[in-house]
N, C-alpha and C. Protein backbone atom coordinates (compact mmCIF):
# COMPACT_ATOMS: atom_id res chain seq x y z
N MET A 1 119.55 139.53 95.63
CA MET A 1 118.91 140.80 95.97
C MET A 1 118.32 140.77 97.37
N LYS A 2 119.03 140.24 98.32
CA LYS A 2 118.53 140.14 99.69
C LYS A 2 119.48 140.90 100.62
N ASN A 3 119.08 142.11 101.02
CA ASN A 3 119.91 142.84 101.97
C ASN A 3 119.09 143.73 102.90
N GLY A 4 117.77 143.61 102.86
CA GLY A 4 116.93 144.33 103.80
C GLY A 4 116.62 145.77 103.43
N ARG A 5 117.21 146.26 102.31
CA ARG A 5 116.93 147.63 101.90
C ARG A 5 115.66 147.69 101.08
N LYS A 6 115.09 148.90 100.99
CA LYS A 6 113.87 149.09 100.21
C LYS A 6 114.10 148.66 98.76
N GLY A 7 113.16 147.88 98.25
CA GLY A 7 113.27 147.41 96.87
C GLY A 7 113.94 146.06 96.73
N TYR A 8 114.37 145.49 97.86
CA TYR A 8 115.05 144.21 97.84
C TYR A 8 114.22 143.13 98.54
N TYR A 9 114.54 141.89 98.23
CA TYR A 9 113.88 140.75 98.84
C TYR A 9 114.02 140.78 100.36
N GLN A 10 112.91 140.54 101.05
CA GLN A 10 112.79 140.50 102.51
C GLN A 10 112.93 141.88 103.16
N TYR A 11 112.66 142.93 102.38
CA TYR A 11 112.66 144.28 102.92
C TYR A 11 111.60 144.42 104.02
N ILE A 12 110.39 143.90 103.77
CA ILE A 12 109.30 144.04 104.74
C ILE A 12 109.66 143.34 106.04
N LYS A 13 110.20 142.15 105.94
CA LYS A 13 110.61 141.40 107.14
C LYS A 13 111.65 142.18 107.94
N SER A 14 112.62 142.72 107.25
CA SER A 14 113.67 143.50 107.90
C SER A 14 113.12 144.79 108.49
N GLU A 15 112.21 145.43 107.74
CA GLU A 15 111.65 146.71 108.19
C GLU A 15 110.80 146.54 109.45
N LYS A 16 110.13 145.41 109.58
CA LYS A 16 109.34 145.14 110.80
C LYS A 16 110.25 145.16 112.03
N LYS A 17 111.38 144.48 111.93
CA LYS A 17 112.33 144.42 113.05
C LYS A 17 112.88 145.81 113.37
N LYS A 18 113.26 146.55 112.33
CA LYS A 18 113.81 147.89 112.53
C LYS A 18 112.81 148.83 113.20
N ARG A 19 111.56 148.75 112.74
CA ARG A 19 110.56 149.68 113.25
C ARG A 19 110.15 149.34 114.68
N ILE A 20 110.14 148.05 115.02
CA ILE A 20 109.85 147.66 116.41
C ILE A 20 110.95 148.21 117.32
N LEU A 21 112.19 148.02 116.92
CA LEU A 21 113.33 148.49 117.71
C LEU A 21 113.30 150.01 117.86
N LYS A 22 113.05 150.70 116.76
CA LYS A 22 112.99 152.17 116.78
C LYS A 22 111.88 152.65 117.72
N THR A 23 110.71 152.00 117.64
CA THR A 23 109.57 152.40 118.48
C THR A 23 109.89 152.18 119.95
N LEU A 24 110.50 151.05 120.28
CA LEU A 24 110.86 150.77 121.67
C LEU A 24 111.84 151.81 122.22
N ILE A 25 112.81 152.17 121.40
CA ILE A 25 113.80 153.19 121.82
C ILE A 25 113.12 154.54 122.03
N LEU A 26 112.21 154.89 121.10
CA LEU A 26 111.52 156.17 121.20
C LEU A 26 110.62 156.25 122.44
N PHE A 27 110.09 155.11 122.88
CA PHE A 27 109.30 155.09 124.11
C PHE A 27 110.21 155.05 125.35
N LEU A 28 111.35 154.41 125.21
CA LEU A 28 112.28 154.27 126.34
C LEU A 28 112.86 155.63 126.76
N ILE A 29 113.16 156.47 125.79
CA ILE A 29 113.75 157.79 126.09
C ILE A 29 112.86 158.63 127.00
N PRO A 30 111.57 158.86 126.65
CA PRO A 30 110.72 159.65 127.56
C PRO A 30 110.47 158.94 128.88
N ALA A 31 110.48 157.59 128.88
CA ALA A 31 110.30 156.85 130.12
C ALA A 31 111.45 157.13 131.09
N VAL A 32 112.66 157.14 130.55
CA VAL A 32 113.85 157.44 131.37
C VAL A 32 113.79 158.88 131.88
N ILE A 33 113.39 159.80 130.99
CA ILE A 33 113.27 161.21 131.39
C ILE A 33 112.24 161.36 132.50
N PHE A 34 111.11 160.65 132.39
CA PHE A 34 110.06 160.71 133.41
C PHE A 34 110.57 160.20 134.76
N ILE A 35 111.29 159.08 134.71
CA ILE A 35 111.84 158.50 135.95
C ILE A 35 112.84 159.44 136.60
N ILE A 36 113.67 160.09 135.80
CA ILE A 36 114.64 161.05 136.32
C ILE A 36 113.91 162.20 137.03
N GLY A 37 112.85 162.70 136.38
CA GLY A 37 112.05 163.78 136.98
C GLY A 37 111.41 163.34 138.29
N LEU A 38 110.93 162.11 138.31
CA LEU A 38 110.30 161.57 139.52
C LEU A 38 111.30 161.45 140.66
N LEU A 39 112.52 161.02 140.33
CA LEU A 39 113.56 160.88 141.36
C LEU A 39 114.04 162.24 141.88
N LEU A 40 114.09 163.22 140.97
CA LEU A 40 114.58 164.54 141.37
C LEU A 40 113.55 165.32 142.20
N TYR A 41 112.28 165.27 141.76
CA TYR A 41 111.25 166.10 142.39
C TYR A 41 110.34 165.34 143.35
N LYS A 42 110.46 164.03 143.38
CA LYS A 42 109.65 163.18 144.26
C LYS A 42 108.15 163.27 143.97
N THR A 43 107.80 163.77 142.81
CA THR A 43 106.41 163.85 142.37
C THR A 43 106.38 163.85 140.84
N LYS A 44 105.29 163.35 140.29
CA LYS A 44 105.18 163.33 138.83
C LYS A 44 104.74 164.68 138.27
N MET A 45 104.31 165.59 139.14
CA MET A 45 103.90 166.92 138.71
C MET A 45 105.10 167.84 138.64
N ASN A 46 105.88 167.73 137.57
CA ASN A 46 107.06 168.56 137.39
C ASN A 46 107.30 168.83 135.91
N ILE A 47 108.16 169.80 135.62
CA ILE A 47 108.44 170.21 134.24
C ILE A 47 109.06 169.08 133.41
N ILE A 48 109.85 168.24 134.05
CA ILE A 48 110.49 167.13 133.34
C ILE A 48 109.45 166.11 132.87
N SER A 49 108.39 165.93 133.66
CA SER A 49 107.31 165.01 133.27
C SER A 49 106.60 165.52 132.01
N ILE A 50 106.45 166.84 131.92
CA ILE A 50 105.82 167.43 130.72
C ILE A 50 106.69 167.17 129.50
N ILE A 51 107.99 167.35 129.67
CA ILE A 51 108.93 167.08 128.57
C ILE A 51 108.84 165.61 128.15
N ALA A 52 108.71 164.72 129.14
CA ALA A 52 108.61 163.28 128.85
C ALA A 52 107.35 162.96 128.07
N VAL A 53 106.23 163.59 128.45
CA VAL A 53 104.95 163.35 127.76
C VAL A 53 105.04 163.83 126.31
N VAL A 54 105.58 165.03 126.11
CA VAL A 54 105.75 165.56 124.75
C VAL A 54 106.69 164.65 123.96
N GLY A 55 107.67 164.09 124.66
CA GLY A 55 108.62 163.19 124.01
C GLY A 55 108.00 161.89 123.52
N CYS A 56 106.78 161.60 123.96
CA CYS A 56 106.08 160.38 123.51
C CYS A 56 105.48 160.54 122.12
N LEU A 57 105.34 161.78 121.65
CA LEU A 57 104.71 162.02 120.35
C LEU A 57 105.45 161.33 119.19
N PRO A 58 106.78 161.45 119.10
CA PRO A 58 107.49 160.72 118.03
C PRO A 58 107.30 159.20 118.14
N ALA A 59 107.24 158.70 119.39
CA ALA A 59 107.05 157.27 119.59
C ALA A 59 105.67 156.83 119.09
N CYS A 60 104.66 157.66 119.35
CA CYS A 60 103.29 157.33 118.89
C CYS A 60 103.22 157.33 117.37
N LYS A 61 103.91 158.29 116.77
CA LYS A 61 103.96 158.34 115.31
C LYS A 61 104.65 157.09 114.76
N SER A 62 105.69 156.65 115.46
CA SER A 62 106.42 155.46 115.05
C SER A 62 105.55 154.21 115.15
N VAL A 63 104.66 154.18 116.14
CA VAL A 63 103.74 153.05 116.30
C VAL A 63 102.85 152.92 115.06
N VAL A 64 102.35 154.05 114.57
CA VAL A 64 101.49 154.05 113.38
C VAL A 64 102.24 153.47 112.19
N GLY A 65 103.50 153.92 112.00
CA GLY A 65 104.31 153.40 110.91
C GLY A 65 104.59 151.91 111.04
N THR A 66 104.79 151.46 112.27
CA THR A 66 105.06 150.05 112.53
C THR A 66 103.84 149.20 112.20
N ILE A 67 102.66 149.69 112.61
CA ILE A 67 101.41 148.98 112.30
C ILE A 67 101.23 148.87 110.79
N MET A 68 101.54 149.96 110.07
CA MET A 68 101.43 149.96 108.61
C MET A 68 102.26 148.84 107.99
N VAL A 69 103.50 148.70 108.46
CA VAL A 69 104.39 147.67 107.91
C VAL A 69 103.87 146.27 108.21
N PHE A 70 103.27 146.09 109.39
CA PHE A 70 102.78 144.77 109.78
C PHE A 70 101.54 144.33 109.00
N LEU A 71 100.99 145.22 108.20
CA LEU A 71 99.86 144.84 107.36
C LEU A 71 100.31 144.04 106.14
N TYR A 72 101.63 144.03 105.90
CA TYR A 72 102.17 143.38 104.71
C TYR A 72 103.20 142.32 105.08
N HIS A 73 103.58 141.51 104.10
CA HIS A 73 104.53 140.44 104.34
C HIS A 73 105.50 140.35 103.16
N SER A 74 106.67 139.82 103.43
CA SER A 74 107.66 139.64 102.37
C SER A 74 107.19 138.59 101.37
N ILE A 75 107.65 138.74 100.14
CA ILE A 75 107.34 137.77 99.10
C ILE A 75 107.92 136.41 99.50
N SER A 76 107.23 135.34 99.13
CA SER A 76 107.71 134.01 99.51
C SER A 76 109.02 133.70 98.78
N GLU A 77 109.83 132.87 99.40
CA GLU A 77 111.12 132.50 98.80
C GLU A 77 110.92 131.80 97.47
N THR A 78 109.86 130.97 97.38
CA THR A 78 109.58 130.25 96.14
C THR A 78 109.31 131.21 94.99
N GLU A 79 108.44 132.20 95.24
CA GLU A 79 108.12 133.17 94.20
C GLU A 79 109.33 134.04 93.86
N PHE A 80 110.08 134.40 94.89
CA PHE A 80 111.29 135.21 94.66
C PHE A 80 112.25 134.46 93.71
N ARG A 81 112.49 133.19 93.99
CA ARG A 81 113.42 132.41 93.17
C ARG A 81 112.90 132.25 91.74
N GLU A 82 111.59 132.09 91.61
CA GLU A 82 111.01 131.95 90.27
C GLU A 82 111.17 133.24 89.48
N ILE A 83 110.93 134.37 90.13
CA ILE A 83 111.09 135.66 89.45
C ILE A 83 112.54 135.85 89.03
N GLU A 84 113.46 135.54 89.94
CA GLU A 84 114.88 135.70 89.64
C GLU A 84 115.29 134.82 88.45
N ALA A 85 114.67 133.65 88.35
CA ALA A 85 114.98 132.73 87.24
C ALA A 85 114.52 133.29 85.90
N HIS A 86 113.53 134.20 85.94
CA HIS A 86 112.98 134.79 84.71
C HIS A 86 113.47 136.22 84.51
N LYS A 87 114.36 136.67 85.38
CA LYS A 87 114.80 138.07 85.39
C LYS A 87 115.51 138.50 84.11
N GLY A 88 116.46 137.68 83.66
CA GLY A 88 117.23 138.05 82.47
C GLY A 88 117.93 139.38 82.65
N SER A 89 117.72 140.31 81.71
CA SER A 89 118.39 141.61 81.75
C SER A 89 117.49 142.71 82.34
N LEU A 90 116.36 142.31 82.88
CA LEU A 90 115.40 143.30 83.38
C LEU A 90 115.84 143.92 84.70
N THR A 91 115.40 145.15 84.93
CA THR A 91 115.66 145.83 86.19
C THR A 91 114.49 145.51 87.13
N LEU A 92 114.81 144.90 88.28
CA LEU A 92 113.76 144.44 89.20
C LEU A 92 113.83 145.15 90.54
N SER A 93 112.68 145.24 91.18
CA SER A 93 112.61 145.69 92.58
C SER A 93 111.52 144.87 93.26
N TYR A 94 111.67 144.70 94.57
CA TYR A 94 110.76 143.84 95.33
C TYR A 94 110.12 144.56 96.52
N GLU A 95 108.97 144.05 96.91
CA GLU A 95 108.29 144.39 98.17
C GLU A 95 108.09 145.89 98.38
N MET A 96 107.27 146.47 97.51
CA MET A 96 106.97 147.90 97.62
C MET A 96 105.53 148.13 98.04
N VAL A 97 105.34 149.03 98.98
CA VAL A 97 104.01 149.47 99.37
C VAL A 97 103.83 150.85 98.76
N LEU A 98 103.09 150.92 97.66
CA LEU A 98 102.87 152.20 96.99
C LEU A 98 101.94 153.04 97.85
N THR A 99 102.41 154.19 98.28
CA THR A 99 101.64 155.01 99.21
C THR A 99 100.99 156.19 98.50
N ASN A 100 99.79 156.52 98.97
CA ASN A 100 99.02 157.62 98.43
C ASN A 100 98.04 158.07 99.51
N TYR A 101 97.54 159.29 99.40
CA TYR A 101 96.60 159.78 100.40
C TYR A 101 95.34 158.93 100.46
N GLU A 102 94.96 158.35 99.32
CA GLU A 102 93.70 157.59 99.27
C GLU A 102 93.88 156.11 99.57
N LYS A 103 94.89 155.48 98.96
CA LYS A 103 95.05 154.03 99.10
C LYS A 103 96.52 153.64 99.13
N ASN A 104 96.80 152.52 99.78
CA ASN A 104 98.14 151.92 99.74
C ASN A 104 98.02 150.57 99.04
N THR A 105 98.99 150.26 98.21
CA THR A 105 98.95 149.00 97.46
C THR A 105 100.29 148.29 97.59
N PHE A 106 100.23 147.02 97.98
CA PHE A 106 101.46 146.22 98.07
C PHE A 106 101.74 145.56 96.73
N VAL A 107 102.94 145.79 96.21
CA VAL A 107 103.37 145.16 94.96
C VAL A 107 104.58 144.29 95.27
N ASP A 108 104.44 142.99 95.06
CA ASP A 108 105.52 142.05 95.37
C ASP A 108 106.77 142.31 94.54
N ALA A 109 106.58 142.65 93.27
CA ALA A 109 107.73 142.87 92.40
C ALA A 109 107.36 143.76 91.22
N PHE A 110 108.33 144.58 90.82
CA PHE A 110 108.22 145.38 89.60
C PHE A 110 109.38 145.01 88.69
N ALA A 111 109.13 144.99 87.37
CA ALA A 111 110.18 144.77 86.38
C ALA A 111 110.10 145.90 85.36
N ILE A 112 111.26 146.38 84.94
CA ILE A 112 111.32 147.52 84.02
C ILE A 112 112.16 147.15 82.81
N CYS A 113 111.61 147.47 81.63
CA CYS A 113 112.34 147.25 80.38
C CYS A 113 111.89 148.30 79.38
N GLY A 114 112.77 149.23 79.05
CA GLY A 114 112.40 150.29 78.13
C GLY A 114 111.27 151.13 78.70
N ASN A 115 110.17 151.22 77.95
CA ASN A 115 108.99 151.97 78.41
C ASN A 115 107.92 151.07 79.01
N GLN A 116 108.29 149.84 79.35
CA GLN A 116 107.36 148.89 79.94
C GLN A 116 107.70 148.68 81.41
N VAL A 117 106.72 148.89 82.26
CA VAL A 117 106.86 148.64 83.69
C VAL A 117 105.75 147.67 84.08
N ILE A 118 106.14 146.48 84.53
CA ILE A 118 105.13 145.50 84.92
C ILE A 118 105.35 145.11 86.39
N GLY A 119 104.25 144.79 87.04
CA GLY A 119 104.34 144.40 88.44
C GLY A 119 103.47 143.20 88.74
N TYR A 120 103.70 142.64 89.92
CA TYR A 120 102.88 141.53 90.41
C TYR A 120 102.48 141.83 91.84
N SER A 121 101.19 141.74 92.13
CA SER A 121 100.70 141.96 93.49
C SER A 121 99.91 140.74 93.96
N SER A 122 100.34 140.19 95.09
CA SER A 122 99.64 139.04 95.67
C SER A 122 98.48 139.48 96.56
N ASP A 123 98.35 140.80 96.74
CA ASP A 123 97.28 141.35 97.58
C ASP A 123 95.96 141.28 96.83
N LYS A 124 95.13 140.34 97.22
CA LYS A 124 93.86 140.11 96.52
C LYS A 124 92.87 141.26 96.68
N LYS A 125 93.06 142.09 97.70
CA LYS A 125 92.16 143.23 97.93
C LYS A 125 92.67 144.51 97.27
N ALA A 126 93.81 144.43 96.64
CA ALA A 126 94.42 145.63 96.05
C ALA A 126 93.61 146.16 94.87
N ASP A 127 93.53 147.47 94.77
CA ASP A 127 92.89 148.13 93.63
C ASP A 127 93.97 148.29 92.56
N ILE A 128 94.10 147.30 91.72
CA ILE A 128 95.18 147.25 90.74
C ILE A 128 95.10 148.41 89.74
N LYS A 129 93.91 148.69 89.26
CA LYS A 129 93.75 149.77 88.28
C LYS A 129 94.21 151.10 88.87
N TYR A 130 93.84 151.35 90.11
CA TYR A 130 94.25 152.59 90.78
C TYR A 130 95.77 152.64 90.93
N ALA A 131 96.37 151.52 91.34
CA ALA A 131 97.83 151.46 91.53
C ALA A 131 98.57 151.69 90.21
N GLU A 132 98.04 151.11 89.13
CA GLU A 132 98.64 151.30 87.81
C GLU A 132 98.60 152.78 87.40
N GLU A 133 97.41 153.37 87.55
CA GLU A 133 97.24 154.77 87.15
C GLU A 133 98.09 155.71 88.00
N HIS A 134 98.15 155.43 89.30
CA HIS A 134 98.93 156.27 90.21
C HIS A 134 100.42 156.19 89.88
N THR A 135 100.93 154.98 89.68
CA THR A 135 102.34 154.79 89.36
C THR A 135 102.68 155.44 88.02
N GLN A 136 101.83 155.22 87.03
CA GLN A 136 102.07 155.78 85.71
C GLN A 136 102.05 157.32 85.76
N LYS A 137 101.13 157.87 86.53
CA LYS A 137 101.03 159.33 86.66
C LYS A 137 102.31 159.91 87.27
N ILE A 138 102.82 159.26 88.32
CA ILE A 138 104.05 159.73 88.98
C ILE A 138 105.22 159.65 88.01
N LEU A 139 105.33 158.54 87.30
CA LEU A 139 106.44 158.36 86.36
C LEU A 139 106.36 159.36 85.20
N HIS A 140 105.16 159.59 84.69
CA HIS A 140 104.97 160.57 83.61
C HIS A 140 105.37 161.96 84.10
N HIS A 141 104.97 162.28 85.33
CA HIS A 141 105.29 163.57 85.93
C HIS A 141 106.80 163.78 86.05
N ASN A 142 107.53 162.67 86.19
CA ASN A 142 108.99 162.72 86.30
C ASN A 142 109.69 162.56 84.95
N GLY A 143 108.91 162.58 83.89
CA GLY A 143 109.48 162.57 82.55
C GLY A 143 109.66 161.21 81.90
N TYR A 144 109.06 160.17 82.49
CA TYR A 144 109.18 158.82 81.93
C TYR A 144 107.85 158.39 81.31
N LYS A 145 107.79 158.40 79.99
CA LYS A 145 106.55 158.03 79.29
C LYS A 145 106.45 156.51 79.17
N VAL A 146 106.01 155.89 80.24
CA VAL A 146 105.97 154.43 80.30
C VAL A 146 104.54 153.91 80.42
N ASN A 147 104.39 152.62 80.12
CA ASN A 147 103.13 151.93 80.34
C ASN A 147 103.28 151.05 81.57
N VAL A 148 102.32 151.14 82.47
CA VAL A 148 102.39 150.36 83.71
C VAL A 148 101.27 149.32 83.73
N LYS A 149 101.65 148.08 83.97
CA LYS A 149 100.69 146.98 84.06
C LYS A 149 101.04 146.14 85.28
N ILE A 150 100.06 145.93 86.16
CA ILE A 150 100.27 145.12 87.36
C ILE A 150 99.38 143.87 87.28
N PHE A 151 100.00 142.71 87.45
CA PHE A 151 99.28 141.44 87.38
C PHE A 151 98.88 140.97 88.78
N LYS A 152 97.70 140.37 88.87
CA LYS A 152 97.26 139.78 90.15
C LYS A 152 97.55 138.29 90.18
N ASP A 153 97.86 137.73 89.01
CA ASP A 153 98.17 136.30 88.92
C ASP A 153 99.65 136.13 88.59
N PHE A 154 100.27 135.16 89.25
CA PHE A 154 101.73 135.00 89.17
C PHE A 154 102.20 134.48 87.81
N SER A 155 101.54 133.46 87.28
CA SER A 155 101.98 132.84 86.02
C SER A 155 102.01 133.83 84.85
N PRO A 156 100.94 134.62 84.65
CA PRO A 156 101.00 135.61 83.56
C PRO A 156 102.12 136.63 83.75
N PHE A 157 102.43 136.95 85.01
CA PHE A 157 103.53 137.88 85.29
C PHE A 157 104.86 137.28 84.82
N LEU A 158 105.08 136.00 85.13
CA LEU A 158 106.32 135.33 84.70
C LEU A 158 106.39 135.26 83.17
N GLU A 159 105.26 134.99 82.55
CA GLU A 159 105.22 134.92 81.09
C GLU A 159 105.57 136.27 80.47
N ARG A 160 105.09 137.32 81.12
CA ARG A 160 105.39 138.68 80.62
C ARG A 160 106.86 139.02 80.82
N LEU A 161 107.45 138.53 81.90
CA LEU A 161 108.89 138.72 82.11
C LEU A 161 109.67 138.10 80.96
N ASP A 162 109.28 136.88 80.59
CA ASP A 162 109.95 136.18 79.48
C ASP A 162 109.80 136.95 78.18
N SER A 163 108.59 137.48 77.96
CA SER A 163 108.33 138.23 76.73
C SER A 163 109.17 139.51 76.66
N LEU A 164 109.27 140.19 77.79
CA LEU A 164 110.08 141.41 77.83
C LEU A 164 111.55 141.09 77.53
N ASN A 165 112.03 139.99 78.09
CA ASN A 165 113.43 139.59 77.83
C ASN A 165 113.66 139.24 76.36
N GLN A 166 112.69 138.58 75.76
CA GLN A 166 112.82 138.19 74.36
C GLN A 166 112.89 139.41 73.44
N HIS A 167 112.20 140.49 73.83
CA HIS A 167 112.13 141.68 72.99
C HIS A 167 112.85 142.88 73.62
N ALA A 168 113.73 142.59 74.57
CA ALA A 168 114.39 143.66 75.32
C ALA A 168 115.12 144.66 74.43
N GLU A 169 115.84 144.15 73.46
CA GLU A 169 116.64 145.04 72.60
C GLU A 169 115.77 146.04 71.85
N SER A 170 114.68 145.56 71.28
CA SER A 170 113.80 146.46 70.51
C SER A 170 113.02 147.39 71.44
N LEU A 171 112.69 146.92 72.63
CA LEU A 171 111.94 147.75 73.59
C LEU A 171 112.79 148.91 74.12
N ARG A 172 114.10 148.70 74.15
CA ARG A 172 115.01 149.74 74.67
C ARG A 172 115.58 150.64 73.57
N GLU A 173 115.30 150.26 72.33
CA GLU A 173 115.90 150.95 71.19
C GLU A 173 115.32 152.36 71.01
N ASP A 174 116.20 153.31 70.71
CA ASP A 174 115.82 154.68 70.34
C ASP A 174 115.04 155.43 71.44
N ILE A 175 115.24 155.08 72.69
CA ILE A 175 114.61 155.82 73.78
C ILE A 175 115.59 156.90 74.25
N PRO A 176 115.22 158.17 74.09
CA PRO A 176 116.14 159.24 74.51
C PRO A 176 116.35 159.22 76.02
N PHE A 177 117.58 159.46 76.43
CA PHE A 177 117.88 159.45 77.87
C PHE A 177 119.01 160.41 78.20
N LYS A 178 118.73 161.28 79.16
CA LYS A 178 119.74 162.20 79.68
C LYS A 178 119.98 161.85 81.13
N PRO A 179 121.21 161.45 81.49
CA PRO A 179 121.49 161.07 82.89
C PRO A 179 121.11 162.17 83.87
N ASP A 180 120.65 161.76 85.03
CA ASP A 180 120.27 162.70 86.09
C ASP A 180 121.54 163.19 86.78
N GLU A 181 121.62 164.51 86.95
CA GLU A 181 122.81 165.09 87.59
C GLU A 181 123.00 164.60 89.03
N LYS A 182 121.88 164.32 89.70
CA LYS A 182 121.95 163.85 91.09
C LYS A 182 122.43 162.40 91.16
N TYR A 183 122.06 161.61 90.14
CA TYR A 183 122.43 160.19 90.11
C TYR A 183 123.06 159.85 88.76
N PRO A 184 124.25 160.37 88.50
CA PRO A 184 124.87 160.19 87.17
C PRO A 184 125.21 158.75 86.82
N ASP A 185 125.32 157.88 87.82
CA ASP A 185 125.70 156.49 87.55
C ASP A 185 124.49 155.59 87.26
N LEU A 186 123.29 156.11 87.44
CA LEU A 186 122.10 155.28 87.25
C LEU A 186 121.62 155.32 85.80
N SER A 187 121.22 154.16 85.30
CA SER A 187 120.65 154.08 83.95
C SER A 187 119.21 154.59 83.99
N ARG A 188 118.60 154.72 82.83
CA ARG A 188 117.21 155.18 82.77
C ARG A 188 116.29 154.25 83.54
N GLU A 189 116.46 152.95 83.37
CA GLU A 189 115.61 151.98 84.06
C GLU A 189 115.83 152.02 85.56
N GLU A 190 117.07 152.23 85.98
CA GLU A 190 117.37 152.33 87.41
C GLU A 190 116.76 153.60 88.00
N LEU A 191 116.69 154.67 87.21
CA LEU A 191 116.06 155.91 87.67
C LEU A 191 114.55 155.72 87.79
N ILE A 192 113.96 154.96 86.88
CA ILE A 192 112.53 154.65 86.98
C ILE A 192 112.27 153.86 88.26
N LYS A 193 113.13 152.88 88.52
CA LYS A 193 113.03 152.09 89.75
C LYS A 193 113.16 153.01 90.96
N HIS A 194 114.12 153.90 90.94
CA HIS A 194 114.35 154.85 92.03
C HIS A 194 113.11 155.70 92.28
N THR A 195 112.45 156.13 91.21
CA THR A 195 111.23 156.96 91.32
C THR A 195 110.10 156.16 91.97
N ILE A 196 109.95 154.91 91.57
CA ILE A 196 108.92 154.06 92.17
C ILE A 196 109.18 153.85 93.65
N LEU A 197 110.45 153.62 93.99
CA LEU A 197 110.81 153.42 95.40
C LEU A 197 110.54 154.67 96.22
N SER A 198 110.63 155.83 95.60
CA SER A 198 110.42 157.08 96.33
C SER A 198 108.96 157.27 96.74
N ILE A 199 108.03 156.57 96.09
CA ILE A 199 106.62 156.66 96.48
C ILE A 199 106.18 155.42 97.26
N SER A 200 107.16 154.64 97.69
CA SER A 200 106.89 153.42 98.45
C SER A 200 107.23 153.61 99.91
N LEU A 201 106.52 152.85 100.76
CA LEU A 201 106.73 152.91 102.21
C LEU A 201 108.15 152.50 102.58
């Protein structure tokens, strides 16, 4: 599960590189426009300079997004391999920054099985209760009546992964599911994962 896309291992690491490059390009464009105006008019007081200044706004916005990403880090390879070893038949996603107007919470990994959604967050300052309630509220709003539990300690998270795998068949039994017309190939658990990713940075 390593390809740099959202929800995959090393997404944060990859996103840092992408956002730095994007920000540099966004600043380079107005810089070039400004230089062209300077060469044409021999003064910085010209209409092209105004266009260049306005053109800096997307770059400034990109800086904010880049800073946001740099507040977080990819899950360690050791933890990633351990989670994968306990994955079994569960639907997993990695390295999500759950975004909200009030708080952002980094969740190293989420696992989904039936109506159970569990996560692990290495962020010691994270408001876990708030993240659980926010995620559950979004999922309920989208028609998924699930229970969300996020662990701050790694070992209990792995133990819960094992427990979900042991009872996977019964946990998935008799859950009504109607495929989404927009994503007909996705299973119910994959749609839950997709919903979580949609509220992530």
